[in-house]
C-alpha atoms as a PDB file:
ATOM      1  CA  UNK A   1      -0.144  26.608  -2.227  1.00  0.00           C
ATOM      2  CA  UNK A   2      -0.458  23.420  -0.105  1.00  0.00           C
ATOM      3  CA  UNK A   3       1.578  23.318   3.088  1.00  0.00           C
ATOM      4  CA  UNK A   4       4.737  21.164   3.273  1.00  0.00           C
ATOM      5  CA  UNK A   5       2.866  18.703   5.482  1.00  0.00           C
ATOM      6  CA  UNK A   6       0.152  18.150   2.866  1.00  0.00           C
ATOM      7  CA  UNK A   7       2.731  17.911   0.076  1.00  0.00           C
ATOM      8  CA  UNK A   8       4.582  15.301   2.120  1.00  0.00           C
ATOM      9  CA  UNK A   9       1.406  13.246   2.519  1.00  0.00           C
ATOM     10  CA  UNK A  10       0.603  13.545  -1.184  1.00  0.00           C
ATOM     11  CA  UNK A  11       4.108  12.494  -2.115  1.00  0.00           C
ATOM     12  CA  UNK A  12       3.891   9.496   0.209  1.00  0.00           C
ATOM     13  CA  UNK A  13       0.617   8.370  -1.383  1.00  0.00           C
ATOM     14  CA  UNK A  14       2.020   8.550  -4.921  1.00  0.00           C
ATOM     15  CA  UNK A  15       5.327   6.874  -4.061  1.00  0.00           C
ATOM     16  CA  UNK A  16       3.802   4.052  -2.033  1.00  0.00           C
ATOM     17  CA  UNK A  17       1.072   3.469  -4.632  1.00  0.00           C
ATOM     18  CA  UNK A  18       3.678   3.193  -7.404  1.00  0.00           C
ATOM     19  CA  UNK A  19       5.577   0.578  -5.379  1.00  0.00           C
ATOM     20  CA  UNK A  20       2.912  -2.114  -5.861  1.00  0.00           C
ATOM     21  CA  UNK A  21       3.175  -2.402  -9.672  1.00  0.00           C
ATOM     22  CA  UNK A  22       6.951  -1.876  -9.514  1.00  0.00           C
ATOM     23  CA  UNK A  23       7.269  -4.824  -7.116  1.00  0.00           C
ATOM     24  CA  UNK A  24       5.073  -6.948  -9.376  1.00  0.00           C
ATOM     25  CA  UNK A  25       7.430  -6.308 -12.296  1.00  0.00           C
ATOM     26  CA  UNK A  26      10.725  -6.766 -10.431  1.00  0.00           C
ATOM     27  CA  UNK A  27       9.858  -9.784  -8.284  1.00  0.00           C
ATOM     28  CA  UNK A  28       9.345 -11.996 -11.351  1.00  0.00           C
ATOM     29  CA  UNK A  29      13.029 -11.670 -12.249  1.00  0.00           C
ATOM     30  CA  UNK A  30      14.650 -11.153  -8.849  1.00  0.00           C
ATOM     31  CA  UNK A  31      12.499 -13.202  -6.512  1.00  0.00           C
ATOM     32  CA  UNK A  32      11.252 -12.081  -3.102  1.00  0.00           C
ATOM     33  CA  UNK A  33      14.540 -12.508  -1.206  1.00  0.00           C
ATOM     34  CA  UNK A  34      16.766 -10.617  -3.654  1.00  0.00           C
ATOM     35  CA  UNK A  35      14.266  -7.799  -4.203  1.00  0.00           C
ATOM     36  CA  UNK A  36      13.751  -7.375  -0.456  1.00  0.00           C
ATOM     37  CA  UNK A  37      17.463  -7.242   0.328  1.00  0.00           C
ATOM     38  CA  UNK A  38      18.313  -4.955  -2.591  1.00  0.00           C
ATOM     39  CA  UNK A  39      15.514  -2.500  -1.807  1.00  0.00           C
ATOM     40  CA  UNK A  40      16.408  -2.251   1.880  1.00  0.00           C
ATOM     41  CA  UNK A  41      20.160  -2.056   1.174  1.00  0.00           C
ATOM     42  CA  UNK A  42      19.773   0.705  -1.438  1.00  0.00           C
ATOM     43  CA  UNK A  43      17.521   2.695   0.887  1.00  0.00           C
ATOM     44  CA  UNK A  44      19.907   2.266   3.827  1.00  0.00           C
ATOM     45  CA  UNK A  45      22.958   3.347   1.814  1.00  0.00           C
ATOM     46  CA  UNK A  46      21.141   6.404   0.459  1.00  0.00           C
ATOM     47  CA  UNK A  47      20.024   7.485   3.923  1.00  0.00           C
ATOM     48  CA  UNK A  48      23.465   6.891   5.465  1.00  0.00           C
ATOM     49  CA  UNK A  49      25.104   8.981   2.723  1.00  0.00           C
ATOM     50  CA  UNK A  50      22.685  11.817   3.465  1.00  0.00           C
ATOM     51  CA  UNK A  51      23.087  11.503   7.244  1.00  0.00           C
ATOM     52  CA  UNK A  52      26.270  13.636   7.693  1.00  0.00           C
ATOM     53  CA  UNK A  53      24.871  16.475   5.581  1.00  0.00           C
ATOM     54  CA  UNK A  54      21.525  16.377   7.415  1.00  0.00           C
ATOM     55  CA  UNK A  55      23.270  16.210  10.812  1.00  0.00           C
ATOM     56  CA  UNK A  56      21.568  12.948  11.764  1.00  0.00           C
ATOM     57  CA  UNK A  57      22.275  12.173  15.434  1.00  0.00           C
ATOM     58  CA  UNK A  58      23.117   8.792  16.873  1.00  0.00           C
ATOM     59  CA  UNK A  59      20.103   7.252  18.628  1.00  0.00           C
ATOM     60  CA  UNK A  60      19.985   6.892  22.375  1.00  0.00           C
ATOM     61  CA  UNK A  61      20.804   3.412  23.654  1.00  0.00           C
ATOM     62  CA  UNK A  62      17.463   3.227  25.427  1.00  0.00           C
ATOM     63  CA  UNK A  63      15.671   3.624  22.065  1.00  0.00           C
ATOM     64  CA  UNK A  64      17.490   0.751  20.326  1.00  0.00           C
ATOM     65  CA  UNK A  65      14.811  -1.878  21.165  1.00  0.00           C
ATOM     66  CA  UNK A  66      12.092   0.366  19.705  1.00  0.00           C
ATOM     67  CA  UNK A  67      14.220   0.969  16.614  1.00  0.00           C
ATOM     68  CA  UNK A  68      14.766  -2.782  16.293  1.00  0.00           C
ATOM     69  CA  UNK A  69      10.986  -3.326  16.338  1.00  0.00           C
ATOM     70  CA  UNK A  70      10.542  -0.726  13.591  1.00  0.00           C
ATOM     71  CA  UNK A  71      13.311  -2.211  11.456  1.00  0.00           C
ATOM     72  CA  UNK A  72      12.222  -5.822  11.861  1.00  0.00           C
ATOM     73  CA  UNK A  73       8.554  -5.111  11.119  1.00  0.00           C
ATOM     74  CA  UNK A  74       8.212  -2.100   8.823  1.00  0.00           C
ATOM     75  CA  UNK A  75      11.323  -2.800   6.780  1.00  0.00           C
ATOM     76  CA  UNK A  76      12.421  -6.455   6.720  1.00  0.00           C
ATOM     77  CA  UNK A  77       9.250  -8.443   7.412  1.00  0.00           C
ATOM     78  CA  UNK A  78       7.055  -6.080   5.398  1.00  0.00           C
ATOM     79  CA  UNK A  79       9.293  -6.284   2.332  1.00  0.00           C
ATOM     80  CA  UNK A  80       9.660 -10.063   2.399  1.00  0.00           C
ATOM     81  CA  UNK A  81       5.956 -10.733   2.953  1.00  0.00           C
ATOM     82  CA  UNK A  82       4.697  -8.217   0.396  1.00  0.00           C
ATOM     83  CA  UNK A  83       7.226  -9.209  -2.259  1.00  0.00           C
ATOM     84  CA  UNK A  84       6.421 -12.907  -1.886  1.00  0.00           C
ATOM     85  CA  UNK A  85       2.703 -12.192  -1.834  1.00  0.00           C
ATOM     86  CA  UNK A  86       2.902 -10.226  -5.076  1.00  0.00           C
ATOM     87  CA  UNK A  87       4.307 -13.252  -6.898  1.00  0.00           C
ATOM     88  CA  UNK A  88       0.748 -14.636  -6.698  1.00  0.00           C
ATOM     89  CA  UNK A  89      -1.488 -11.602  -6.033  1.00  0.00           C
ATOM     90  CA  UNK A  90      -2.173  -8.709  -8.401  1.00  0.00           C
ATOM     91  CA  UNK A  91      -0.551  -5.398  -7.481  1.00  0.00           C
ATOM     92  CA  UNK A  92      -3.897  -3.605  -7.128  1.00  0.00           C
ATOM     93  CA  UNK A  93      -5.312  -6.374  -4.941  1.00  0.00           C
ATOM     94  CA  UNK A  94      -2.224  -6.229  -2.723  1.00  0.00           C
ATOM     95  CA  UNK A  95      -2.729  -2.493  -2.228  1.00  0.00           C
ATOM     96  CA  UNK A  96      -6.327  -3.108  -1.110  1.00  0.00           C
ATOM     97  CA  UNK A  97      -5.172  -5.646   1.478  1.00  0.00           C
ATOM     98  CA  UNK A  98      -2.404  -3.377   2.778  1.00  0.00           C
ATOM     99  CA  UNK A  99      -5.031  -0.672   3.357  1.00  0.00           C
ATOM    100  CA  UNK A 100      -6.086  -2.400   6.600  1.00  0.00           C
ATOM    101  CA  UNK A 101      -2.686  -1.733   8.229  1.00  0.00           C
ATOM    102  CA  UNK A 102      -4.160   0.963  10.562  1.00  0.00           C
ATOM    103  CA  UNK A 103      -6.323  -1.740  12.161  1.00  0.00           C
ATOM    104  CA  UNK A 104      -3.191  -3.546  13.284  1.00  0.00           C
ATOM    105  CA  UNK A 105      -1.725  -0.297  14.578  1.00  0.00           C
ATOM    106  CA  UNK A 106      -4.656  -0.314  17.001  1.00  0.00           C
ATOM    107  CA  UNK A 107      -4.050  -3.949  17.946  1.00  0.00           C
ATOM    108  CA  UNK A 108      -0.401  -3.159  18.664  1.00  0.00           C
ATOM    109  CA  UNK A 109      -1.444  -0.169  20.758  1.00  0.00           C
ATOM    110  CA  UNK A 110      -3.825  -2.318  22.796  1.00  0.00           C
ATOM    111  CA  UNK A 111      -1.319  -5.103  23.403  1.00  0.00           C
ATOM    112  CA  UNK A 112       1.944  -3.196  23.793  1.00  0.00           C
ATOM    113  CA  UNK A 113       0.784   0.225  24.974  1.00  0.00           C
ATOM    114  CA  UNK A 114      -2.327  -0.799  26.971  1.00  0.00           C
ATOM    115  CA  UNK A 115      -4.542   1.570  25.000  1.00  0.00           C
ATOM    116  CA  UNK A 116      -8.311   1.233  25.283  1.00  0.00           C
ATOM    117  CA  UNK A 117     -10.700   1.869  22.402  1.00  0.00           C
ATOM    118  CA  UNK A 118     -14.324   2.820  21.946  1.00  0.00           C
ATOM    119  CA  UNK A 119     -16.988   0.672  20.312  1.00  0.00           C
ATOM    120  CA  UNK A 120     -16.697   2.547  17.036  1.00  0.00           C
ATOM    121  CA  UNK A 121     -13.020   1.673  16.810  1.00  0.00           C
ATOM    122  CA  UNK A 122     -13.667  -2.000  17.527  1.00  0.00           C
ATOM    123  CA  UNK A 123     -16.591  -2.100  15.111  1.00  0.00           C
ATOM    124  CA  UNK A 124     -14.593  -0.432  12.366  1.00  0.00           C
ATOM    125  CA  UNK A 125     -11.791  -2.934  12.910  1.00  0.00           C
ATOM    126  CA  UNK A 126     -14.221  -5.790  12.422  1.00  0.00           C
ATOM    127  CA  UNK A 127     -15.560  -4.248   9.211  1.00  0.00           C
ATOM    128  CA  UNK A 128     -12.045  -3.723   7.823  1.00  0.00           C
ATOM    129  CA  UNK A 129     -11.035  -7.297   8.605  1.00  0.00           C
ATOM    130  CA  UNK A 130     -14.248  -8.578   6.999  1.00  0.00           C
ATOM    131  CA  UNK A 131     -13.317  -6.688   3.842  1.00  0.00           C
ATOM    132  CA  UNK A 132      -9.908  -8.317   3.738  1.00  0.00           C
ATOM    133  CA  UNK A 133     -11.581 -11.724   4.155  1.00  0.00           C
ATOM    134  CA  UNK A 134     -13.773 -10.969   1.123  1.00  0.00           C
ATOM    135  CA  UNK A 135     -10.661 -10.208  -0.930  1.00  0.00           C
ATOM    136  CA  UNK A 136      -8.939 -13.407   0.219  1.00  0.00           C
ATOM    137  CA  UNK A 137     -12.022 -15.427  -0.806  1.00  0.00           C
ATOM    138  CA  UNK A 138     -12.731 -13.470  -3.998  1.00  0.00           C
ATOM    139  CA  UNK A 139     -12.103 -16.528  -6.177  1.00  0.00           C
ATOM    140  CA  UNK A 140     -14.204 -18.836  -4.018  1.00  0.00           C
ATOM    141  CA  UNK A 141     -13.505 -21.001  -1.007  1.00  0.00           C
ATOM    142  CA  UNK A 142     -12.116 -23.763  -3.225  1.00  0.00           C
ATOM    143  CA  UNK A 143      -9.403 -21.432  -4.474  1.00  0.00           C
ATOM    144  CA  UNK A 144      -8.575 -19.760  -1.144  1.00  0.00           C
ATOM    145  CA  UNK A 145      -5.527 -17.581  -1.640  1.00  0.00           C
ATOM    146  CA  UNK A 146      -2.732 -18.256   0.829  1.00  0.00           C
ATOM    147  CA  UNK A 147      -0.782 -15.490  -0.908  1.00  0.00           C
ATOM    148  CA  UNK A 148      -3.512 -13.032   0.069  1.00  0.00           C
ATOM    149  CA  UNK A 149      -3.042 -14.044   3.698  1.00  0.00           C
ATOM    150  CA  UNK A 150       0.689 -13.376   3.343  1.00  0.00           C
ATOM    151  CA  UNK A 151      -0.115  -9.850   2.118  1.00  0.00           C
ATOM    152  CA  UNK A 152      -2.444  -9.441   5.115  1.00  0.00           C
ATOM    153  CA  UNK A 153       0.521 -10.372   7.323  1.00  0.00           C
ATOM    154  CA  UNK A 154       2.466  -7.621   5.540  1.00  0.00           C
ATOM    155  CA  UNK A 155      -0.317  -5.234   6.585  1.00  0.00           C
ATOM    156  CA  UNK A 156       0.020  -6.519  10.163  1.00  0.00           C
ATOM    157  CA  UNK A 157       3.722  -5.707  10.373  1.00  0.00           C
ATOM    158  CA  UNK A 158       3.268  -2.349   8.639  1.00  0.00           C
ATOM    159  CA  UNK A 159       0.615  -1.482  11.203  1.00  0.00           C
ATOM    160  CA  UNK A 160       3.054  -2.331  13.981  1.00  0.00           C
ATOM    161  CA  UNK A 161       5.647  -0.062  12.346  1.00  0.00           C
ATOM    162  CA  UNK A 162       3.263   2.895  12.146  1.00  0.00           C
ATOM    163  CA  UNK A 163       2.430   2.619  15.846  1.00  0.00           C
ATOM    164  CA  UNK A 164       5.968   1.809  17.016  1.00  0.00           C
ATOM    165  CA  UNK A 165       7.575   4.696  15.135  1.00  0.00           C
ATOM    166  CA  UNK A 166       5.302   7.358  16.644  1.00  0.00           C
ATOM    167  CA  UNK A 167       7.159   7.524  20.020  1.00  0.00           C
ATOM    168  CA  UNK A 168      10.490   7.865  18.177  1.00  0.00           C
ATOM    169  CA  UNK A 169       9.170  10.838  16.228  1.00  0.00           C
ATOM    170  CA  UNK A 170       8.747  12.746  19.499  1.00  0.00           C
ATOM    171  CA  UNK A 171      12.529  12.669  19.992  1.00  0.00           C
ATOM    172  CA  UNK A 172      13.988  12.427  16.498  1.00  0.00           C
ATOM    173  CA  UNK A 173      13.398  13.968  13.078  1.00  0.00           C
ATOM    174  CA  UNK A 174      11.610  12.103  10.326  1.00  0.00           C
ATOM    175  CA  UNK A 175      14.918  11.574   8.509  1.00  0.00           C
ATOM    176  CA  UNK A 176      16.557  10.225  11.654  1.00  0.00           C
ATOM    177  CA  UNK A 177      13.693   7.834  12.406  1.00  0.00           C
ATOM    178  CA  UNK A 178      13.619   6.521   8.837  1.00  0.00           C
ATOM    179  CA  UNK A 179      17.410   6.113   8.842  1.00  0.00           C
ATOM    180  CA  UNK A 180      17.476   4.194  12.119  1.00  0.00           C
ATOM    181  CA  UNK A 181      14.645   1.871  11.060  1.00  0.00           C
ATOM    182  CA  UNK A 182      16.070   1.232   7.593  1.00  0.00           C
ATOM    183  CA  UNK A 183      19.555   0.425   8.864  1.00  0.00           C
ATOM    184  CA  UNK A 184      18.054  -1.880  11.489  1.00  0.00           C
ATOM    185  CA  UNK A 185      15.975  -3.488   8.742  1.00  0.00           C
ATOM    186  CA  UNK A 186      19.097  -4.091   6.681  1.00  0.00           C
ATOM    187  CA  UNK A 187      20.728  -5.879   9.623  1.00  0.00           C
ATOM    188  CA  UNK A 188      17.690  -8.142   9.964  1.00  0.00           C
ATOM    189  CA  UNK A 189      17.667  -8.733   6.180  1.00  0.00           C
ATOM    190  CA  UNK A 190      21.294  -9.922   5.940  1.00  0.00           C
ATOM    191  CA  UNK A 191      20.311 -13.616   6.383  1.00  0.00           C
ATOM    192  CA  UNK A 192      18.619 -13.281   2.970  1.00  0.00           C
ATOM    193  CA  UNK A 193      22.012 -12.819   1.280  1.00  0.00           C
ATOM    194  CA  UNK A 194      22.683 -16.490   0.377  1.00  0.00           C
ATOM    195  CA  UNK A 195      19.256 -16.795  -1.286  1.00  0.00           C
ATOM    196  CA  UNK A 196      19.505 -13.365  -2.940  1.00  0.00           C
ATOM    197  CA  UNK A 197      23.019 -13.552  -4.393  1.00  0.00           C
ATOM    198  CA  UNK A 198      22.409 -15.682  -7.504  1.00  0.00           C
ATOM    199  CA  UNK A 199      19.102 -14.055  -8.608  1.00  0.00           C
ATOM    200  CA  UNK A 200      20.608 -10.580  -8.212  1.00  0.00           C
ATOM    201  CA  UNK A 201      23.742 -11.531 -10.154  1.00  0.00           C
ATOM    202  CA  UNK A 202      21.725 -12.848 -13.106  1.00  0.00           C
ATOM    203  CA  UNK A 203      18.857 -10.356 -13.100  1.00  0.00           C
ATOM    204  CA  UNK A 204      18.054  -8.172 -16.078  1.00  0.00           C
ATOM    205  CA  UNK A 205      19.040  -4.513 -15.962  1.00  0.00           C
ATOM    206  CA  UNK A 206      15.396  -3.455 -15.869  1.00  0.00           C
ATOM    207  CA  UNK A 207      14.752  -5.440 -12.701  1.00  0.00           C
ATOM    208  CA  UNK A 208      17.829  -3.957 -11.024  1.00  0.00           C
ATOM    209  CA  UNK A 209      16.754  -0.446 -12.021  1.00  0.00           C
ATOM    210  CA  UNK A 210      13.314  -1.200 -10.608  1.00  0.00           C
ATOM    211  CA  UNK A 211      14.873  -2.308  -7.315  1.00  0.00           C
ATOM    212  CA  UNK A 212      16.899   0.920  -7.266  1.00  0.00           C
ATOM    213  CA  UNK A 213      13.711   2.934  -7.816  1.00  0.00           C
ATOM    214  CA  UNK A 214      11.956   1.088  -4.983  1.00  0.00           C
ATOM    215  CA  UNK A 215      14.895   1.625  -2.636  1.00  0.00           C
ATOM    216  CA  UNK A 216      15.513   5.288  -3.393  1.00  0.00           C
ATOM    217  CA  UNK A 217      11.963   6.614  -3.780  1.00  0.00           C
ATOM    218  CA  UNK A 218       9.172   4.578  -2.112  1.00  0.00           C
ATOM    219  CA  UNK A 219      11.527   3.377   0.652  1.00  0.00           C
ATOM    220  CA  UNK A 220      14.128   6.065   1.415  1.00  0.00           C
ATOM    221  CA  UNK A 221      12.260   9.199   0.349  1.00  0.00           C
ATOM    222  CA  UNK A 222       8.803   7.772   1.052  1.00  0.00           C
ATOM    223  CA  UNK A 223       9.487   6.868   4.679  1.00  0.00           C
ATOM    224  CA  UNK A 224      11.281  10.176   5.311  1.00  0.00           C
ATOM    225  CA  UNK A 225       8.426  12.369   4.076  1.00  0.00           C
ATOM    226  CA  UNK A 226       5.870  10.071   5.757  1.00  0.00           C
ATOM    227  CA  UNK A 227       7.655  10.517   9.081  1.00  0.00           C
ATOM    228  CA  UNK A 228       7.810  14.285   8.466  1.00  0.00           C
ATOM    229  CA  UNK A 229       4.025  14.394   8.005  1.00  0.00           C
ATOM    230  CA  UNK A 230       3.226  12.061  10.930  1.00  0.00           C
ATOM    231  CA  UNK A 231       5.335  14.191  13.287  1.00  0.00           C
ATOM    232  CA  UNK A 232       3.374  17.330  12.352  1.00  0.00           C
ATOM    233  CA  UNK A 233      -0.197  16.079  11.910  1.00  0.00           C
ATOM    234  CA  UNK A 234      -2.668  14.153  14.066  1.00  0.00           C
ATOM    235  CA  UNK A 235      -2.355  10.423  13.528  1.00  0.00           C
ATOM    236  CA  UNK A 236      -5.935  10.263  12.228  1.00  0.00           C
ATOM    237  CA  UNK A 237      -5.183  12.861   9.547  1.00  0.00           C
ATOM    238  CA  UNK A 238      -1.898  11.338   8.398  1.00  0.00           C
ATOM    239  CA  UNK A 239      -3.151   7.749   8.379  1.00  0.00           C
ATOM    240  CA  UNK A 240      -6.334   8.867   6.665  1.00  0.00           C
ATOM    241  CA  UNK A 241      -4.333   9.986   3.644  1.00  0.00           C
ATOM    242  CA  UNK A 242      -3.282   6.384   3.101  1.00  0.00           C
ATOM    243  CA  UNK A 243      -6.868   5.583   2.042  1.00  0.00           C
ATOM    244  CA  UNK A 244      -5.827   7.110  -1.285  1.00  0.00           C
ATOM    245  CA  UNK A 245      -3.036   4.579  -1.860  1.00  0.00           C
ATOM    246  CA  UNK A 246      -5.274   1.719  -3.118  1.00  0.00           C
ATOM    247  CA  UNK A 247      -7.193   3.759  -5.750  1.00  0.00           C
ATOM    248  CA  UNK A 248      -3.971   5.338  -7.001  1.00  0.00           C
ATOM    249  CA  UNK A 249      -2.296   1.909  -7.082  1.00  0.00           C
ATOM    250  CA  UNK A 250      -5.255   0.469  -9.002  1.00  0.00           C
ATOM    251  CA  UNK A 251      -4.964   3.211 -11.627  1.00  0.00           C
ATOM    252  CA  UNK A 252      -1.186   2.814 -11.953  1.00  0.00           C
ATOM    253  CA  UNK A 253      -1.503  -0.989 -12.117  1.00  0.00           C
ATOM    254  CA  UNK A 254      -4.148  -0.713 -14.837  1.00  0.00           C
ATOM    255  CA  UNK A 255      -2.076   1.693 -16.939  1.00  0.00           C
ATOM    256  CA  UNK A 256       1.271  -0.062 -16.358  1.00  0.00           C
ATOM    257  CA  UNK A 257       0.310  -3.735 -16.107  1.00  0.00           C
ATOM    258  CA  UNK A 258      -3.175  -3.877 -17.587  1.00  0.00           C
ATOM    259  CA  UNK A 259      -4.530  -5.369 -14.346  1.00  0.00           C
ATOM    260  CA  UNK A 260      -8.281  -5.303 -13.865  1.00  0.00           C
ATOM    261  CA  UNK A 261      -9.383  -6.432 -10.376  1.00  0.00           C
ATOM    262  CA  UNK A 262     -12.577  -8.430 -10.026  1.00  0.00           C
ATOM    263  CA  UNK A 263     -15.752  -6.847  -8.694  1.00  0.00           C
ATOM    264  CA  UNK A 264     -15.636  -8.944  -5.514  1.00  0.00           C
ATOM    265  CA  UNK A 265     -12.052  -7.840  -4.827  1.00  0.00           C
ATOM    266  CA  UNK A 266     -13.048  -4.202  -5.352  1.00  0.00           C
ATOM    267  CA  UNK A 267     -16.032  -4.674  -3.046  1.00  0.00           C
ATOM    268  CA  UNK A 268     -13.775  -6.158  -0.361  1.00  0.00           C
ATOM    269  CA  UNK A 269     -11.386  -3.236  -0.723  1.00  0.00           C
ATOM    270  CA  UNK A 270     -14.204  -0.723  -0.325  1.00  0.00           C
ATOM    271  CA  UNK A 271     -15.450  -2.555   2.789  1.00  0.00           C
ATOM    272  CA  UNK A 272     -11.943  -2.540   4.306  1.00  0.00           C
ATOM    273  CA  UNK A 273     -11.417   1.149   3.615  1.00  0.00           C
ATOM    274  CA  UNK A 274     -14.843   2.009   5.054  1.00  0.00           C
ATOM    275  CA  UNK A 275     -13.916   0.135   8.226  1.00  0.00           C
ATOM    276  CA  UNK A 276     -10.698   2.095   8.582  1.00  0.00           C
ATOM    277  CA  UNK A 277     -12.615   5.346   7.944  1.00  0.00           C
ATOM    278  CA  UNK A 278     -14.970   4.462  10.834  1.00  0.00           C
ATOM    279  CA  UNK A 279     -11.954   3.859  13.076  1.00  0.00           C
ATOM    280  CA  UNK A 280     -10.331   7.162  12.210  1.00  0.00           C
ATOM    281  CA  UNK A 281     -13.551   9.184  12.527  1.00  0.00           C
ATOM    282  CA  UNK A 282     -14.169   7.680  15.970  1.00  0.00           C
ATOM    283  CA  UNK A 283     -10.635   8.443  17.133  1.00  0.00           C
ATOM    284  CA  UNK A 284     -10.684  11.934  15.612  1.00  0.00           C
ATOM    285  CA  UNK A 285     -13.993  12.695  17.315  1.00  0.00           C
ATOM    286  CA  UNK A 286     -12.638  11.494  20.647  1.00  0.00           C
ATOM    287  CA  UNK A 287      -9.547  13.674  20.219  1.00  0.00           C
ATOM    288  CA  UNK A 288     -11.622  16.751  19.390  1.00  0.00           C
ATOM    289  CA  UNK A 289     -13.857  16.115  22.400  1.00  0.00           C
ATOM    290  CA  UNK A 290     -10.897  15.935  24.747  1.00  0.00           C
ATOM    291  CA  UNK A 291      -9.367  19.053  23.248  1.00  0.00           C
ATOM    292  CA  UNK A 292     -12.564  21.063  23.508  1.00  0.00           C
ATOM    293  CA  UNK A 293     -11.499  22.900  26.636  1.00  0.00           C
ATOM    294  CA  UNK A 294      -7.926  23.514  25.576  1.00  0.00           C
ATOM    295  CA  UNK A 295      -6.961  26.971  24.333  1.00  0.00           C
ATOM    296  CA  UNK A 296      -5.323  27.255  20.924  1.00  0.00           C
ATOM    297  CA  UNK A 297      -1.561  27.132  21.138  1.00  0.00           C
ATOM    298  CA  UNK A 298      -1.475  25.489  24.540  1.00  0.00           C
ATOM    299  CA  UNK A 299      -0.354  22.055  23.279  1.00  0.00           C
ATOM    300  CA  UNK A 300       3.005  20.803  24.393  1.00  0.00           C
ATOM    301  CA  UNK A 301       3.832  18.557  21.413  1.00  0.00           C
ATOM    302  CA  UNK A 302       7.314  18.979  19.977  1.00  0.00           C
ATOM    303  CA  UNK A 303       7.714  18.701  16.212  1.00  0.00           C
ATOM    304  CA  UNK A 304      11.164  17.673  15.111  1.00  0.00           C
END
């Protein structure tokens, strides 16, 4: 039987892949602002209700800026950008663009954490970005998709979230980290209320149920089990599982929405994913090299 860590990764892939077609369906009726606010609010309420039973601790004051970064990027900005982008971009195409998020995790690490990277990492980043450019230009330069660029920005902020949440996971559980970030995201999303009120009040029941699904499962449960896996696996292994999100999303989008991406969009997605694979293989090889002289069991990492 697969370990809980692998089950958590598998669950994350399925939940996050299903979010792309669900967003595409709901955003038509609700609009980007209402869907973003509803999804974050539902996720935050669910996590806060579970907090007393799970003995979620209050965060340290010194960690509040880091939590604010996670909430503003991975929750609020990501939702708004992706939801707006999917009003013009197919769900499967959006999932291919989001696949380059690990590249921006590296950029954040270089800028904010002063990390240095090998040539393979930099080369893989260039390949992944080239793939996203192919997707953006899939319909030709004359029909350049600004919406695709908005989805790329969603990948940027998700990449920042992945990198920024890692230090928190050394001190807090996955549930705690997801709760802090989601509540912070809700605070940042409150300015959307005036624009979200009317669409939410007049939305069809199906759209509201879809928003509830997105808030409870891909957001609340998805981020909790993702954090659980990230805290217990090397970053290369956990991020590598996200390569499966686009193909799963493409299948779900085809079955649910009848979407068939163009060959050039598929080619761009493959190029992007190959670039991210190069990045992760380079980083994994570097990690193994450094660990070569370390005895098994001598690591000092703390899993919470």
